[in-house]
Amino acid sequence: MRLAKLSLISGLIIALIIFILSLFLNNGISQRISGGIGLILIITTILTSGSLISGDRQRANDSTESNNDKKQRDSISIACFLAAIPILILWGYLKYFI
């Protein structure tokens, strides 16, 4: 739970920094930066959660993986997702409202 709070706060801080930079830089550059960071975080979320693998591989991983490893993998994917939310909201704001 502590990692989730820290990742959400870090996502908010990164989004705030990009928003401040968008006031001084070209809007297209800050839009690409926020979109790129958000995309990288979402891809990391998808890869660490294991949602791109088939069902038989998922079952094999669940049977061979320890509970500690599963908790660590799940916490990393949740942290990346929570950090991506404010950054992608900023991307949408920069794309459609500015």
N, C-alpha and C. Protein backbone atom coordinates (compact mmCIF):
# COMPACT_ATOMS: atom_id res chain seq x y z
N MET A 1 0.82 -1.19 0.00
CA MET A 1 0.00 0.00 0.00
C MET A 1 0.86 1.26 0.00
N ARG A 2 2.00 1.19 0.68
CA ARG A 2 2.90 2.34 0.72
C ARG A 2 3.48 2.63 -0.65
N LEU A 3 3.81 1.56 -1.40
CA LEU A 3 4.34 1.73 -2.74
C LEU A 3 3.30 2.36 -3.67
N ALA A 4 2.04 2.00 -3.49
CA ALA A 4 0.97 2.57 -4.31
C ALA A 4 0.83 4.07 -4.06
N LYS A 5 0.89 4.48 -2.80
CA LYS A 5 0.80 5.91 -2.48
C LYS A 5 1.99 6.67 -3.05
N LEU A 6 3.18 6.10 -2.90
CA LEU A 6 4.37 6.77 -3.41
C LEU A 6 4.35 6.87 -4.93
N SER A 7 3.85 5.84 -5.60
CA SER A 7 3.82 5.89 -7.06
C SER A 7 2.79 6.89 -7.55
N LEU A 8 1.65 6.98 -6.88
CA LEU A 8 0.66 7.97 -7.26
C LEU A 8 1.18 9.39 -7.04
N ILE A 9 1.85 9.60 -5.93
CA ILE A 9 2.44 10.92 -5.64
C ILE A 9 3.53 11.26 -6.66
N SER A 10 4.36 10.26 -7.01
CA SER A 10 5.41 10.52 -8.00
C SER A 10 4.81 10.80 -9.37
N GLY A 11 3.71 10.12 -9.72
CA GLY A 11 3.03 10.42 -10.97
C GLY A 11 2.47 11.82 -11.00
N LEU A 12 1.92 12.26 -9.86
CA LEU A 12 1.42 13.62 -9.77
C LEU A 12 2.54 14.65 -9.88
N ILE A 13 3.67 14.37 -9.27
CA ILE A 13 4.81 15.29 -9.33
C ILE A 13 5.35 15.39 -10.75
N ILE A 14 5.47 14.25 -11.43
CA ILE A 14 5.94 14.26 -12.82
C ILE A 14 4.97 15.01 -13.71
N ALA A 15 3.67 14.78 -13.49
CA ALA A 15 2.66 15.49 -14.29
C ALA A 15 2.72 16.99 -14.03
N LEU A 16 2.94 17.40 -12.79
CA LEU A 16 3.06 18.81 -12.47
C LEU A 16 4.28 19.43 -13.13
N ILE A 17 5.40 18.71 -13.13
CA ILE A 17 6.61 19.21 -13.77
C ILE A 17 6.40 19.37 -15.28
N ILE A 18 5.75 18.39 -15.90
CA ILE A 18 5.49 18.48 -17.33
C ILE A 18 4.52 19.62 -17.63
N PHE A 19 3.53 19.82 -16.76
CA PHE A 19 2.59 20.92 -16.96
C PHE A 19 3.30 22.27 -16.86
N ILE A 20 4.19 22.41 -15.91
CA ILE A 20 4.94 23.66 -15.77
C ILE A 20 5.84 23.87 -16.99
N LEU A 21 6.44 22.78 -17.48
CA LEU A 21 7.27 22.90 -18.68
C LEU A 21 6.43 23.26 -19.89
N SER A 22 5.18 22.82 -19.93
CA SER A 22 4.32 23.13 -21.07
C SER A 22 3.98 24.62 -21.13
N LEU A 23 4.08 25.30 -20.01
CA LEU A 23 3.84 26.73 -20.01
C LEU A 23 4.97 27.50 -20.68
N PHE A 24 6.19 26.92 -20.64
CA PHE A 24 7.36 27.60 -21.20
C PHE A 24 7.79 27.03 -22.54
N LEU A 25 7.51 25.76 -22.78
CA LEU A 25 7.93 25.12 -24.03
C LEU A 25 6.76 25.06 -25.01
N ASN A 26 7.06 24.53 -26.16
CA ASN A 26 6.03 24.28 -27.16
C ASN A 26 5.07 23.22 -26.62
N ASN A 27 3.78 23.39 -26.87
CA ASN A 27 2.79 22.46 -26.35
C ASN A 27 2.96 21.06 -26.94
N GLY A 28 3.41 20.96 -28.18
CA GLY A 28 3.60 19.65 -28.80
C GLY A 28 4.69 18.84 -28.13
N ILE A 29 5.73 19.50 -27.69
CA ILE A 29 6.84 18.79 -27.03
C ILE A 29 6.39 18.22 -25.69
N SER A 30 5.71 19.03 -24.90
CA SER A 30 5.25 18.55 -23.60
C SER A 30 4.18 17.48 -23.75
N GLN A 31 3.40 17.57 -24.81
CA GLN A 31 2.40 16.54 -25.07
C GLN A 31 3.07 15.21 -25.42
N ARG A 32 4.12 15.26 -26.23
CA ARG A 32 4.85 14.03 -26.58
C ARG A 32 5.57 13.44 -25.38
N ILE A 33 6.11 14.30 -24.53
CA ILE A 33 6.80 13.82 -23.33
C ILE A 33 5.83 13.10 -22.41
N SER A 34 4.69 13.72 -22.14
CA SER A 34 3.72 13.09 -21.23
C SER A 34 3.13 11.83 -21.86
N GLY A 35 2.88 11.85 -23.15
CA GLY A 35 2.37 10.65 -23.81
C GLY A 35 3.38 9.51 -23.82
N GLY A 36 4.64 9.85 -24.02
CA GLY A 36 5.69 8.82 -24.02
C GLY A 36 5.90 8.20 -22.65
N ILE A 37 5.94 9.03 -21.63
CA ILE A 37 6.10 8.51 -20.27
C ILE A 37 4.90 7.67 -19.87
N GLY A 38 3.70 8.15 -20.19
CA GLY A 38 2.50 7.38 -19.88
C GLY A 38 2.45 6.05 -20.61
N LEU A 39 2.85 6.06 -21.89
CA LEU A 39 2.86 4.83 -22.67
C LEU A 39 3.87 3.83 -22.12
N ILE A 40 5.04 4.30 -21.74
CA ILE A 40 6.05 3.41 -21.16
C ILE A 40 5.54 2.79 -19.86
N LEU A 41 4.88 3.59 -19.04
CA LEU A 41 4.36 3.05 -17.78
C LEU A 41 3.22 2.05 -18.01
N ILE A 42 2.36 2.30 -18.99
CA ILE A 42 1.28 1.35 -19.29
C ILE A 42 1.84 0.07 -19.87
N ILE A 43 2.84 0.16 -20.74
CA ILE A 43 3.46 -1.06 -21.29
C ILE A 43 4.13 -1.85 -20.18
N THR A 44 4.78 -1.17 -19.24
CA THR A 44 5.39 -1.86 -18.10
C THR A 44 4.33 -2.54 -17.25
N THR A 45 3.19 -1.88 -17.07
CA THR A 45 2.08 -2.47 -16.33
C THR A 45 1.59 -3.75 -17.00
N ILE A 46 1.42 -3.69 -18.31
CA ILE A 46 0.92 -4.85 -19.06
C ILE A 46 1.92 -5.99 -19.00
N LEU A 47 3.21 -5.68 -19.14
CA LEU A 47 4.21 -6.74 -19.13
C LEU A 47 4.37 -7.38 -17.76
N THR A 48 4.34 -6.58 -16.70
CA THR A 48 4.54 -7.15 -15.38
C THR A 48 3.29 -7.85 -14.85
N SER A 49 2.13 -7.48 -15.34
CA SER A 49 0.92 -8.16 -14.88
C SER A 49 0.73 -9.51 -15.55
N GLY A 50 1.35 -9.71 -16.69
CA GLY A 50 1.23 -10.98 -17.39
C GLY A 50 -0.03 -11.09 -18.22
N SER A 51 -0.60 -9.98 -18.62
CA SER A 51 -1.85 -10.05 -19.38
C SER A 51 -1.65 -10.33 -20.86
N LEU A 52 -0.43 -10.37 -21.33
CA LEU A 52 -0.19 -10.66 -22.73
C LEU A 52 0.12 -12.14 -23.00
N ILE A 53 0.15 -12.95 -21.97
CA ILE A 53 0.47 -14.36 -22.18
C ILE A 53 -0.81 -15.19 -22.20
N SER A 54 -0.71 -16.38 -22.75
CA SER A 54 -1.89 -17.23 -22.88
C SER A 54 -2.25 -17.87 -21.54
N GLY A 55 -3.42 -18.49 -21.51
CA GLY A 55 -3.93 -19.06 -20.27
C GLY A 55 -3.10 -20.20 -19.74
N ASP A 56 -2.58 -21.05 -20.64
CA ASP A 56 -1.77 -22.17 -20.15
C ASP A 56 -0.44 -21.69 -19.56
N ARG A 57 0.13 -20.66 -20.14
CA ARG A 57 1.35 -20.10 -19.55
C ARG A 57 1.06 -19.41 -18.22
N GLN A 58 -0.09 -18.79 -18.13
CA GLN A 58 -0.49 -18.14 -16.86
C GLN A 58 -0.64 -19.18 -15.76
N ARG A 59 -1.27 -20.29 -16.08
CA ARG A 59 -1.41 -21.37 -15.09
C ARG A 59 -0.06 -21.94 -14.69
N ALA A 60 0.83 -22.10 -15.66
CA ALA A 60 2.16 -22.62 -15.36
C ALA A 60 2.94 -21.65 -14.47
N ASN A 61 2.82 -20.37 -14.77
CA ASN A 61 3.51 -19.38 -13.94
C ASN A 61 2.94 -19.34 -12.52
N ASP A 62 1.62 -19.47 -12.40
CA ASP A 62 1.01 -19.45 -11.08
C ASP A 62 1.42 -20.66 -10.24
N SER A 63 1.60 -21.79 -10.89
CA SER A 63 1.95 -22.99 -10.12
C SER A 63 3.42 -23.01 -9.72
N THR A 64 4.28 -22.38 -10.51
CA THR A 64 5.71 -22.41 -10.19
C THR A 64 6.18 -21.17 -9.44
N GLU A 65 5.36 -20.15 -9.38
CA GLU A 65 5.75 -18.90 -8.75
C GLU A 65 5.41 -18.92 -7.26
N SER A 66 6.32 -18.39 -6.46
CA SER A 66 6.04 -18.33 -5.02
C SER A 66 5.11 -17.15 -4.71
N ASN A 67 4.51 -17.18 -3.56
CA ASN A 67 3.60 -16.11 -3.17
C ASN A 67 4.30 -14.76 -3.07
N ASN A 68 5.54 -14.79 -2.60
CA ASN A 68 6.32 -13.56 -2.49
C ASN A 68 6.57 -12.94 -3.86
N ASP A 69 6.94 -13.78 -4.84
CA ASP A 69 7.18 -13.28 -6.19
C ASP A 69 5.91 -12.72 -6.82
N LYS A 70 4.78 -13.40 -6.58
CA LYS A 70 3.51 -12.93 -7.13
C LYS A 70 3.11 -11.59 -6.52
N LYS A 71 3.28 -11.44 -5.21
CA LYS A 71 2.96 -10.17 -4.57
C LYS A 71 3.84 -9.04 -5.08
N GLN A 72 5.12 -9.35 -5.28
CA GLN A 72 6.04 -8.34 -5.77
C GLN A 72 5.68 -7.94 -7.20
N ARG A 73 5.36 -8.89 -8.05
CA ARG A 73 4.98 -8.61 -9.43
C ARG A 73 3.69 -7.80 -9.48
N ASP A 74 2.72 -8.17 -8.66
CA ASP A 74 1.46 -7.44 -8.62
C ASP A 74 1.64 -6.01 -8.11
N SER A 75 2.49 -5.84 -7.11
CA SER A 75 2.70 -4.49 -6.57
C SER A 75 3.41 -3.60 -7.57
N ILE A 76 4.32 -4.17 -8.36
CA ILE A 76 5.01 -3.38 -9.38
C ILE A 76 4.03 -2.95 -10.47
N SER A 77 3.16 -3.86 -10.88
CA SER A 77 2.20 -3.50 -11.93
C SER A 77 1.19 -2.47 -11.44
N ILE A 78 0.74 -2.58 -10.20
CA ILE A 78 -0.18 -1.59 -9.65
C ILE A 78 0.50 -0.23 -9.50
N ALA A 79 1.76 -0.24 -9.07
CA ALA A 79 2.49 1.02 -8.90
C ALA A 79 2.70 1.72 -10.25
N CYS A 80 3.04 0.97 -11.28
CA CYS A 80 3.22 1.58 -12.60
C CYS A 80 1.90 2.13 -13.13
N PHE A 81 0.81 1.41 -12.90
CA PHE A 81 -0.49 1.88 -13.36
C PHE A 81 -0.91 3.16 -12.63
N LEU A 82 -0.70 3.19 -11.33
CA LEU A 82 -1.09 4.39 -10.56
C LEU A 82 -0.23 5.59 -10.91
N ALA A 83 1.03 5.36 -11.27
CA ALA A 83 1.88 6.47 -11.68
C ALA A 83 1.49 6.97 -13.07
N ALA A 84 0.95 6.09 -13.90
CA ALA A 84 0.59 6.47 -15.27
C ALA A 84 -0.71 7.27 -15.33
N ILE A 85 -1.61 7.09 -14.37
CA ILE A 85 -2.92 7.75 -14.44
C ILE A 85 -2.81 9.27 -14.52
N PRO A 86 -2.13 9.97 -13.60
CA PRO A 86 -2.10 11.43 -13.71
C PRO A 86 -1.34 11.92 -14.95
N ILE A 87 -0.35 11.16 -15.37
CA ILE A 87 0.42 11.56 -16.55
C ILE A 87 -0.44 11.45 -17.80
N LEU A 88 -1.23 10.40 -17.90
CA LEU A 88 -2.11 10.25 -19.06
C LEU A 88 -3.28 11.23 -19.02
N ILE A 89 -3.74 11.59 -17.84
CA ILE A 89 -4.77 12.63 -17.74
C ILE A 89 -4.21 13.96 -18.24
N LEU A 90 -2.96 14.26 -17.87
CA LEU A 90 -2.32 15.48 -18.35
C LEU A 90 -2.15 15.43 -19.86
N TRP A 91 -1.78 14.28 -20.40
CA TRP A 91 -1.64 14.13 -21.85
C TRP A 91 -2.97 14.44 -22.55
N GLY A 92 -4.06 13.90 -22.03
CA GLY A 92 -5.36 14.18 -22.61
C GLY A 92 -5.73 15.64 -22.52
N TYR A 93 -5.41 16.27 -21.42
CA TYR A 93 -5.68 17.70 -21.25
C TYR A 93 -4.88 18.51 -22.25
N LEU A 94 -3.60 18.19 -22.41
CA LEU A 94 -2.76 18.94 -23.35
C LEU A 94 -3.19 18.70 -24.78
N LYS A 95 -3.65 17.52 -25.07
CA LYS A 95 -4.04 17.19 -26.45
C LYS A 95 -5.36 17.82 -26.85
N TYR A 96 -6.34 17.79 -25.99
CA TYR A 96 -7.69 18.18 -26.39
C TYR A 96 -8.15 19.55 -25.89
N PHE A 97 -7.49 20.10 -24.88
CA PHE A 97 -7.97 21.36 -24.34
C PHE A 97 -7.01 22.53 -24.53
N ILE A 98 -5.79 22.25 -24.89
CA ILE A 98 -4.83 23.38 -25.09
C ILE A 98 -4.39 23.38 -26.53
